[in-house]
């Protein structure tokens, strides 16, 4: 019961083996096939960096990044 604005909230975990190419495919799969546009807790700089183009285009939002202090994720141009 509940959710957010009547929509179901569920956990989806995808393994990228800490490889950027697999992470990119996972992000695209989430966006295009599962209609997921909000990611919580993406882990690691090289793999999270693969979502930056989607974030910059406003297609996806990333919140609560884990284990990345890289400045590329903390710029004014990243509105999502």
PDB file of N, CA and C in Angstrom:
ATOM      1  N   UNK A   1       0.849  -1.180   0.000  1.00  0.00           N
ATOM      2  CA  UNK A   1       0.000   0.000   0.000  1.00  0.00           C
ATOM      3  C   UNK A   1       0.886   1.232   0.000  1.00  0.00           C
ATOM      4  N   UNK A   2       0.332   2.330  -0.414  1.00  0.00           N
ATOM      5  CA  UNK A   2       1.116   3.567  -0.412  1.00  0.00           C
ATOM      6  C   UNK A   2       1.732   3.841  -1.751  1.00  0.00           C
ATOM      7  N   UNK A   3       3.042   3.883  -1.778  1.00  0.00           N
ATOM      8  CA  UNK A   3       3.739   4.228  -3.001  1.00  0.00           C
ATOM      9  C   UNK A   3       3.982   5.722  -3.056  1.00  0.00           C
ATOM     10  N   UNK A   4       4.257   6.212  -4.242  1.00  0.00           N
ATOM     11  CA  UNK A   4       4.485   7.632  -4.473  1.00  0.00           C
ATOM     12  C   UNK A   4       3.517   8.086  -5.551  1.00  0.00           C
ATOM     13  N   UNK A   5       2.597   8.958  -5.162  1.00  0.00           N
ATOM     14  CA  UNK A   5       1.575   9.459  -6.088  1.00  0.00           C
ATOM     15  C   UNK A   5       0.850   8.316  -6.783  1.00  0.00           C
ATOM     16  N   UNK A   6       0.570   7.290  -6.031  1.00  0.00           N
ATOM     17  CA  UNK A   6      -0.173   6.154  -6.555  1.00  0.00           C
ATOM     18  C   UNK A   6       0.649   5.163  -7.354  1.00  0.00           C
ATOM     19  N   UNK A   7       1.945   5.381  -7.459  1.00  0.00           N
ATOM     20  CA  UNK A   7       2.803   4.476  -8.212  1.00  0.00           C
ATOM     21  C   UNK A   7       3.571   3.571  -7.262  1.00  0.00           C
ATOM     22  N   UNK A   8       3.728   2.346  -7.664  1.00  0.00           N
ATOM     23  CA  UNK A   8       4.446   1.354  -6.881  1.00  0.00           C
ATOM     24  C   UNK A   8       5.928   1.693  -6.830  1.00  0.00           C
ATOM     25  N   UNK A   9       6.513   1.565  -5.666  1.00  0.00           N
ATOM     26  CA  UNK A   9       7.949   1.727  -5.493  1.00  0.00           C
ATOM     27  C   UNK A   9       8.514   0.343  -5.216  1.00  0.00           C
ATOM     28  N   UNK A  10       9.538  -0.035  -5.994  1.00  0.00           N
ATOM     29  CA  UNK A  10      10.147  -1.343  -5.772  1.00  0.00           C
ATOM     30  C   UNK A  10      11.641  -1.271  -6.021  1.00  0.00           C
ATOM     31  N   UNK A  11      12.351  -2.173  -5.401  1.00  0.00           N
ATOM     32  CA  UNK A  11      13.800  -2.266  -5.568  1.00  0.00           C
ATOM     33  C   UNK A  11      14.106  -3.104  -6.796  1.00  0.00           C
ATOM     34  N   UNK A  12      15.030  -2.606  -7.598  1.00  0.00           N
ATOM     35  CA  UNK A  12      15.543  -3.371  -8.731  1.00  0.00           C
ATOM     36  C   UNK A  12      17.061  -3.323  -8.615  1.00  0.00           C
ATOM     37  N   UNK A  13      17.686  -4.454  -8.562  1.00  0.00           N
ATOM     38  CA  UNK A  13      19.137  -4.537  -8.466  1.00  0.00           C
ATOM     39  C   UNK A  13      19.676  -5.201  -9.725  1.00  0.00           C
ATOM     40  N   UNK A  14      20.611  -4.540 -10.379  1.00  0.00           N
ATOM     41  CA  UNK A  14      21.246  -5.097 -11.569  1.00  0.00           C
ATOM     42  C   UNK A  14      22.750  -5.131 -11.343  1.00  0.00           C
ATOM     43  N   UNK A  15      23.392  -6.221 -11.719  1.00  0.00           N
ATOM     44  CA  UNK A  15      24.825  -6.388 -11.525  1.00  0.00           C
ATOM     45  C   UNK A  15      25.568  -5.897 -12.757  1.00  0.00           C
ATOM     46  N   UNK A  16      26.499  -4.963 -12.556  1.00  0.00           N
ATOM     47  CA  UNK A  16      27.315  -4.476 -13.669  1.00  0.00           C
ATOM     48  C   UNK A  16      28.753  -4.986 -13.578  1.00  0.00           C
ATOM     49  N   UNK A  17      29.036  -5.826 -12.589  1.00  0.00           N
ATOM     50  CA  UNK A  17      30.376  -6.389 -12.390  1.00  0.00           C
ATOM     51  C   UNK A  17      31.440  -5.287 -12.330  1.00  0.00           C
ATOM     52  N   UNK A  18      31.010  -4.085 -11.973  1.00  0.00           N
ATOM     53  CA  UNK A  18      31.858  -2.895 -11.911  1.00  0.00           C
ATOM     54  C   UNK A  18      32.532  -2.614 -13.249  1.00  0.00           C
ATOM     55  N   UNK A  19      31.801  -2.871 -14.333  1.00  0.00           N
ATOM     56  CA  UNK A  19      32.291  -2.607 -15.685  1.00  0.00           C
ATOM     57  C   UNK A  19      31.397  -1.545 -16.321  1.00  0.00           C
ATOM     58  N   UNK A  20      31.977  -0.426 -16.729  1.00  0.00           N
ATOM     59  CA  UNK A  20      31.190   0.675 -17.277  1.00  0.00           C
ATOM     60  C   UNK A  20      30.284   0.285 -18.454  1.00  0.00           C
ATOM     61  N   UNK A  21      30.757  -0.562 -19.346  1.00  0.00           N
ATOM     62  CA  UNK A  21      29.937  -0.945 -20.501  1.00  0.00           C
ATOM     63  C   UNK A  21      28.669  -1.677 -20.066  1.00  0.00           C
ATOM     64  N   UNK A  22      28.791  -2.537 -19.077  1.00  0.00           N
ATOM     65  CA  UNK A  22      27.611  -3.251 -18.565  1.00  0.00           C
ATOM     66  C   UNK A  22      26.701  -2.277 -17.820  1.00  0.00           C
ATOM     67  N   UNK A  23      27.296  -1.363 -17.061  1.00  0.00           N
ATOM     68  CA  UNK A  23      26.499  -0.358 -16.347  1.00  0.00           C
ATOM     69  C   UNK A  23      25.671   0.458 -17.320  1.00  0.00           C
ATOM     70  N   UNK A  24      26.279   0.877 -18.438  1.00  0.00           N
ATOM     71  CA  UNK A  24      25.544   1.652 -19.435  1.00  0.00           C
ATOM     72  C   UNK A  24      24.343   0.868 -19.963  1.00  0.00           C
ATOM     73  N   UNK A  25      24.550  -0.392 -20.268  1.00  0.00           N
ATOM     74  CA  UNK A  25      23.443  -1.222 -20.753  1.00  0.00           C
ATOM     75  C   UNK A  25      22.358  -1.357 -19.687  1.00  0.00           C
ATOM     76  N   UNK A  26      22.762  -1.485 -18.433  1.00  0.00           N
ATOM     77  CA  UNK A  26      21.788  -1.561 -17.347  1.00  0.00           C
ATOM     78  C   UNK A  26      20.970  -0.285 -17.241  1.00  0.00           C
ATOM     79  N   UNK A  27      21.631   0.883 -17.327  1.00  0.00           N
ATOM     80  CA  UNK A  27      20.906   2.155 -17.267  1.00  0.00           C
ATOM     81  C   UNK A  27      19.914   2.262 -18.428  1.00  0.00           C
ATOM     82  N   UNK A  28      20.353   1.897 -19.621  1.00  0.00           N
ATOM     83  CA  UNK A  28      19.465   1.968 -20.783  1.00  0.00           C
ATOM     84  C   UNK A  28      18.309   0.983 -20.659  1.00  0.00           C
ATOM     85  N   UNK A  29      18.582  -0.199 -20.129  1.00  0.00           N
ATOM     86  CA  UNK A  29      17.529  -1.191 -19.903  1.00  0.00           C
ATOM     87  C   UNK A  29      16.500  -0.679 -18.904  1.00  0.00           C
ATOM     88  N   UNK A  30      16.978  -0.098 -17.818  1.00  0.00           N
ATOM     89  CA  UNK A  30      16.065   0.468 -16.820  1.00  0.00           C
ATOM     90  C   UNK A  30      15.189   1.551 -17.430  1.00  0.00           C
ATOM     91  N   UNK A  31      15.796   2.431 -18.196  1.00  0.00           N
ATOM     92  CA  UNK A  31      15.074   3.558 -18.785  1.00  0.00           C
ATOM     93  C   UNK A  31      14.120   3.111 -19.893  1.00  0.00           C
ATOM     94  N   UNK A  32      14.606   2.340 -20.830  1.00  0.00           N
ATOM     95  CA  UNK A  32      13.832   2.009 -22.026  1.00  0.00           C
ATOM     96  C   UNK A  32      12.880   0.833 -21.876  1.00  0.00           C
ATOM     97  N   UNK A  33      13.259  -0.157 -21.081  1.00  0.00           N
ATOM     98  CA  UNK A  33      12.440  -1.368 -20.984  1.00  0.00           C
ATOM     99  C   UNK A  33      11.633  -1.471 -19.698  1.00  0.00           C
ATOM    100  N   UNK A  34      12.121  -0.833 -18.636  1.00  0.00           N
ATOM    101  CA  UNK A  34      11.427  -0.926 -17.355  1.00  0.00           C
ATOM    102  C   UNK A  34      10.793   0.393 -16.937  1.00  0.00           C
ATOM    103  N   UNK A  35      10.906   1.429 -17.771  1.00  0.00           N
ATOM    104  CA  UNK A  35      10.358   2.756 -17.510  1.00  0.00           C
ATOM    105  C   UNK A  35      10.803   3.325 -16.160  1.00  0.00           C
ATOM    106  N   UNK A  36      12.064   3.065 -15.800  1.00  0.00           N
ATOM    107  CA  UNK A  36      12.658   3.585 -14.571  1.00  0.00           C
ATOM    108  C   UNK A  36      13.465   4.825 -14.934  1.00  0.00           C
ATOM    109  N   UNK A  37      13.162   5.944 -14.295  1.00  0.00           N
ATOM    110  CA  UNK A  37      13.910   7.163 -14.584  1.00  0.00           C
ATOM    111  C   UNK A  37      14.484   7.812 -13.326  1.00  0.00           C
ATOM    112  N   UNK A  38      14.425   7.110 -12.219  1.00  0.00           N
ATOM    113  CA  UNK A  38      14.958   7.609 -10.965  1.00  0.00           C
ATOM    114  C   UNK A  38      15.785   6.500 -10.316  1.00  0.00           C
ATOM    115  N   UNK A  39      17.062   6.765 -10.139  1.00  0.00           N
ATOM    116  CA  UNK A  39      17.993   5.778  -9.590  1.00  0.00           C
ATOM    117  C   UNK A  39      18.453   6.246  -8.213  1.00  0.00           C
ATOM    118  N   UNK A  40      18.337   5.381  -7.237  1.00  0.00           N
ATOM    119  CA  UNK A  40      18.822   5.633  -5.883  1.00  0.00           C
ATOM    120  C   UNK A  40      20.046   4.769  -5.634  1.00  0.00           C
ATOM    121  N   UNK A  41      21.120   5.387  -5.176  1.00  0.00           N
ATOM    122  CA  UNK A  41      22.254   4.622  -4.679  1.00  0.00           C
ATOM    123  C   UNK A  41      23.133   3.983  -5.726  1.00  0.00           C
ATOM    124  N   UNK A  42      23.345   4.626  -6.856  1.00  0.00           N
ATOM    125  CA  UNK A  42      24.297   4.099  -7.826  1.00  0.00           C
ATOM    126  C   UNK A  42      25.681   4.086  -7.178  1.00  0.00           C
ATOM    127  N   UNK A  43      26.457   3.049  -7.449  1.00  0.00           N
ATOM    128  CA  UNK A  43      27.720   2.846  -6.732  1.00  0.00           C
ATOM    129  C   UNK A  43      28.921   2.950  -7.672  1.00  0.00           C
ATOM    130  N   UNK A  44      29.895   3.783  -7.286  1.00  0.00           N
ATOM    131  CA  UNK A  44      31.178   3.837  -7.971  1.00  0.00           C
ATOM    132  C   UNK A  44      31.240   4.847  -9.104  1.00  0.00           C
ATOM    133  N   UNK A  45      32.374   5.504  -9.225  1.00  0.00           N
ATOM    134  CA  UNK A  45      32.542   6.549 -10.231  1.00  0.00           C
ATOM    135  C   UNK A  45      32.509   6.030 -11.668  1.00  0.00           C
ATOM    136  N   UNK A  46      33.296   5.010 -12.045  1.00  0.00           N
ATOM    137  CA  UNK A  46      33.332   4.615 -13.453  1.00  0.00           C
ATOM    138  C   UNK A  46      31.983   4.122 -13.981  1.00  0.00           C
ATOM    139  N   UNK A  47      31.238   3.440 -13.137  1.00  0.00           N
ATOM    140  CA  UNK A  47      29.951   2.906 -13.591  1.00  0.00           C
ATOM    141  C   UNK A  47      28.855   3.974 -13.553  1.00  0.00           C
ATOM    142  N   UNK A  48      28.857   4.805 -12.540  1.00  0.00           N
ATOM    143  CA  UNK A  48      27.859   5.872 -12.441  1.00  0.00           C
ATOM    144  C   UNK A  48      28.065   6.903 -13.537  1.00  0.00           C
ATOM    145  N   UNK A  49      29.289   7.115 -13.940  1.00  0.00           N
ATOM    146  CA  UNK A  49      29.600   8.070 -14.998  1.00  0.00           C
ATOM    147  C   UNK A  49      28.866   7.718 -16.293  1.00  0.00           C
ATOM    148  N   UNK A  50      28.555   6.463 -16.488  1.00  0.00           N
ATOM    149  CA  UNK A  50      27.847   6.031 -17.692  1.00  0.00           C
ATOM    150  C   UNK A  50      26.430   6.584 -17.782  1.00  0.00           C
ATOM    151  N   UNK A  51      25.889   7.053 -16.679  1.00  0.00           N
ATOM    152  CA  UNK A  51      24.537   7.621 -16.683  1.00  0.00           C
ATOM    153  C   UNK A  51      24.532   9.126 -16.912  1.00  0.00           C
ATOM    154  N   UNK A  52      25.696   9.757 -16.955  1.00  0.00           N
ATOM    155  CA  UNK A  52      25.752  11.215 -17.018  1.00  0.00           C
ATOM    156  C   UNK A  52      25.041  11.807 -18.234  1.00  0.00           C
ATOM    157  N   UNK A  53      25.182  11.197 -19.385  1.00  0.00           N
ATOM    158  CA  UNK A  53      24.502  11.726 -20.578  1.00  0.00           C
ATOM    159  C   UNK A  53      22.989  11.696 -20.393  1.00  0.00           C
ATOM    160  N   UNK A  54      22.477  10.637 -19.780  1.00  0.00           N
ATOM    161  CA  UNK A  54      21.039  10.526 -19.521  1.00  0.00           C
ATOM    162  C   UNK A  54      20.578  11.574 -18.521  1.00  0.00           C
ATOM    163  N   UNK A  55      21.406  11.834 -17.539  1.00  0.00           N
ATOM    164  CA  UNK A  55      21.090  12.852 -16.535  1.00  0.00           C
ATOM    165  C   UNK A  55      21.115  14.241 -17.169  1.00  0.00           C
ATOM    166  N   UNK A  56      22.136  14.529 -17.947  1.00  0.00           N
ATOM    167  CA  UNK A  56      22.257  15.833 -18.594  1.00  0.00           C
ATOM    168  C   UNK A  56      21.098  16.111 -19.540  1.00  0.00           C
ATOM    169  N   UNK A  57      20.588  15.054 -20.198  1.00  0.00           N
ATOM    170  CA  UNK A  57      19.457  15.200 -21.117  1.00  0.00           C
ATOM    171  C   UNK A  57      18.112  15.234 -20.410  1.00  0.00           C
ATOM    172  N   UNK A  58      18.118  15.075 -19.087  1.00  0.00           N
ATOM    173  CA  UNK A  58      16.877  15.097 -18.333  1.00  0.00           C
ATOM    174  C   UNK A  58      16.069  13.807 -18.431  1.00  0.00           C
ATOM    175  N   UNK A  59      16.690  12.737 -18.918  1.00  0.00           N
ATOM    176  CA  UNK A  59      15.994  11.461 -19.055  1.00  0.00           C
ATOM    177  C   UNK A  59      15.987  10.651 -17.768  1.00  0.00           C
ATOM    178  N   UNK A  60      16.947  10.920 -16.885  1.00  0.00           N
ATOM    179  CA  UNK A  60      17.113  10.119 -15.683  1.00  0.00           C
ATOM    180  C   UNK A  60      17.631  11.001 -14.559  1.00  0.00           C
ATOM    181  N   UNK A  61      17.269  10.667 -13.342  1.00  0.00           N
ATOM    182  CA  UNK A  61      17.792  11.355 -12.166  1.00  0.00           C
ATOM    183  C   UNK A  61      18.524  10.340 -11.292  1.00  0.00           C
ATOM    184  N   UNK A  62      19.629  10.779 -10.704  1.00  0.00           N
ATOM    185  CA  UNK A  62      20.404   9.950  -9.786  1.00  0.00           C
ATOM    186  C   UNK A  62      20.410  10.613  -8.427  1.00  0.00           C
ATOM    187  N   UNK A  63      20.080   9.856  -7.400  1.00  0.00           N
ATOM    188  CA  UNK A  63      20.082  10.366  -6.036  1.00  0.00           C
ATOM    189  C   UNK A  63      20.911   9.457  -5.141  1.00  0.00           C
ATOM    190  N   UNK A  64      21.553  10.043  -4.153  1.00  0.00           N
ATOM    191  CA  UNK A  64      22.279   9.308  -3.115  1.00  0.00           C
ATOM    192  C   UNK A  64      23.346   8.376  -3.687  1.00  0.00           C
ATOM    193  N   UNK A  65      24.272   8.962  -4.440  1.00  0.00           N
ATOM    194  CA  UNK A  65      25.375   8.187  -5.003  1.00  0.00           C
ATOM    195  C   UNK A  65      26.205   7.585  -3.878  1.00  0.00           C
ATOM    196  N   UNK A  66      26.686   6.372  -4.093  1.00  0.00           N
ATOM    197  CA  UNK A  66      27.448   5.651  -3.079  1.00  0.00           C
ATOM    198  C   UNK A  66      28.886   5.480  -3.553  1.00  0.00           C
ATOM    199  N   UNK A  67      29.822   5.749  -2.663  1.00  0.00           N
ATOM    200  CA  UNK A  67      31.249   5.525  -2.913  1.00  0.00           C
ATOM    201  C   UNK A  67      31.777   6.310  -4.101  1.00  0.00           C
ATOM    202  N   UNK A  68      31.296   7.503  -4.293  1.00  0.00           N
ATOM    203  CA  UNK A  68      31.880   8.358  -5.313  1.00  0.00           C
ATOM    204  C   UNK A  68      31.883   9.790  -4.812  1.00  0.00           C
ATOM    205  N   UNK A  69      33.059  10.350  -4.757  1.00  0.00           N
ATOM    206  CA  UNK A  69      33.193  11.751  -4.369  1.00  0.00           C
ATOM    207  C   UNK A  69      33.620  12.592  -5.565  1.00  0.00           C
ATOM    208  N   UNK A  70      33.576  12.028  -6.745  1.00  0.00           N
ATOM    209  CA  UNK A  70      34.062  12.702  -7.943  1.00  0.00           C
ATOM    210  C   UNK A  70      33.294  13.993  -8.206  1.00  0.00           C
ATOM    211  N   UNK A  71      34.038  15.022  -8.549  1.00  0.00           N
ATOM    212  CA  UNK A  71      33.433  16.336  -8.789  1.00  0.00           C
ATOM    213  C   UNK A  71      32.556  16.354 -10.034  1.00  0.00           C
ATOM    214  N   UNK A  72      32.707  15.396 -10.938  1.00  0.00           N
ATOM    215  CA  UNK A  72      31.877  15.379 -12.149  1.00  0.00           C
ATOM    216  C   UNK A  72      30.394  15.182 -11.827  1.00  0.00           C
ATOM    217  N   UNK A  73      30.094  14.692 -10.646  1.00  0.00           N
ATOM    218  CA  UNK A  73      28.705  14.484 -10.241  1.00  0.00           C
ATOM    219  C   UNK A  73      28.154  15.652  -9.427  1.00  0.00           C
ATOM    220  N   UNK A  74      28.963  16.646  -9.208  1.00  0.00           N
ATOM    221  CA  UNK A  74      28.553  17.780  -8.384  1.00  0.00           C
ATOM    222  C   UNK A  74      28.798  19.097  -9.116  1.00  0.00           C
ATOM    223  N   UNK A  75      28.063  19.268 -10.200  1.00  0.00           N
ATOM    224  CA  UNK A  75      28.168  20.487 -10.983  1.00  0.00           C
ATOM    225  C   UNK A  75      26.796  21.095 -11.172  1.00  0.00           C
ATOM    226  N   UNK A  76      26.759  22.381 -11.394  1.00  0.00           N
ATOM    227  CA  UNK A  76      25.487  23.099 -11.544  1.00  0.00           C
ATOM    228  C   UNK A  76      24.715  22.649 -12.779  1.00  0.00           C
ATOM    229  N   UNK A  77      25.399  22.139 -13.788  1.00  0.00           N
ATOM    230  CA  UNK A  77      24.696  21.714 -15.002  1.00  0.00           C
ATOM    231  C   UNK A  77      23.887  20.431 -14.820  1.00  0.00           C
ATOM    232  N   UNK A  78      24.143  19.684 -13.756  1.00  0.00           N
ATOM    233  CA  UNK A  78      23.400  18.449 -13.502  1.00  0.00           C
ATOM    234  C   UNK A  78      22.183  18.753 -12.653  1.00  0.00           C
ATOM    235  N   UNK A  79      21.072  19.014 -13.283  1.00  0.00           N
ATOM    236  CA  UNK A  79      19.845  19.371 -12.586  1.00  0.00           C
ATOM    237  C   UNK A  79      19.119  18.137 -12.060  1.00  0.00           C
ATOM    238  N   UNK A  80      19.399  16.959 -12.608  1.00  0.00           N
ATOM    239  CA  UNK A  80      18.721  15.736 -12.203  1.00  0.00           C
ATOM    240  C   UNK A  80      19.611  14.885 -11.325  1.00  0.00           C
TER     241      UNK A  80
END
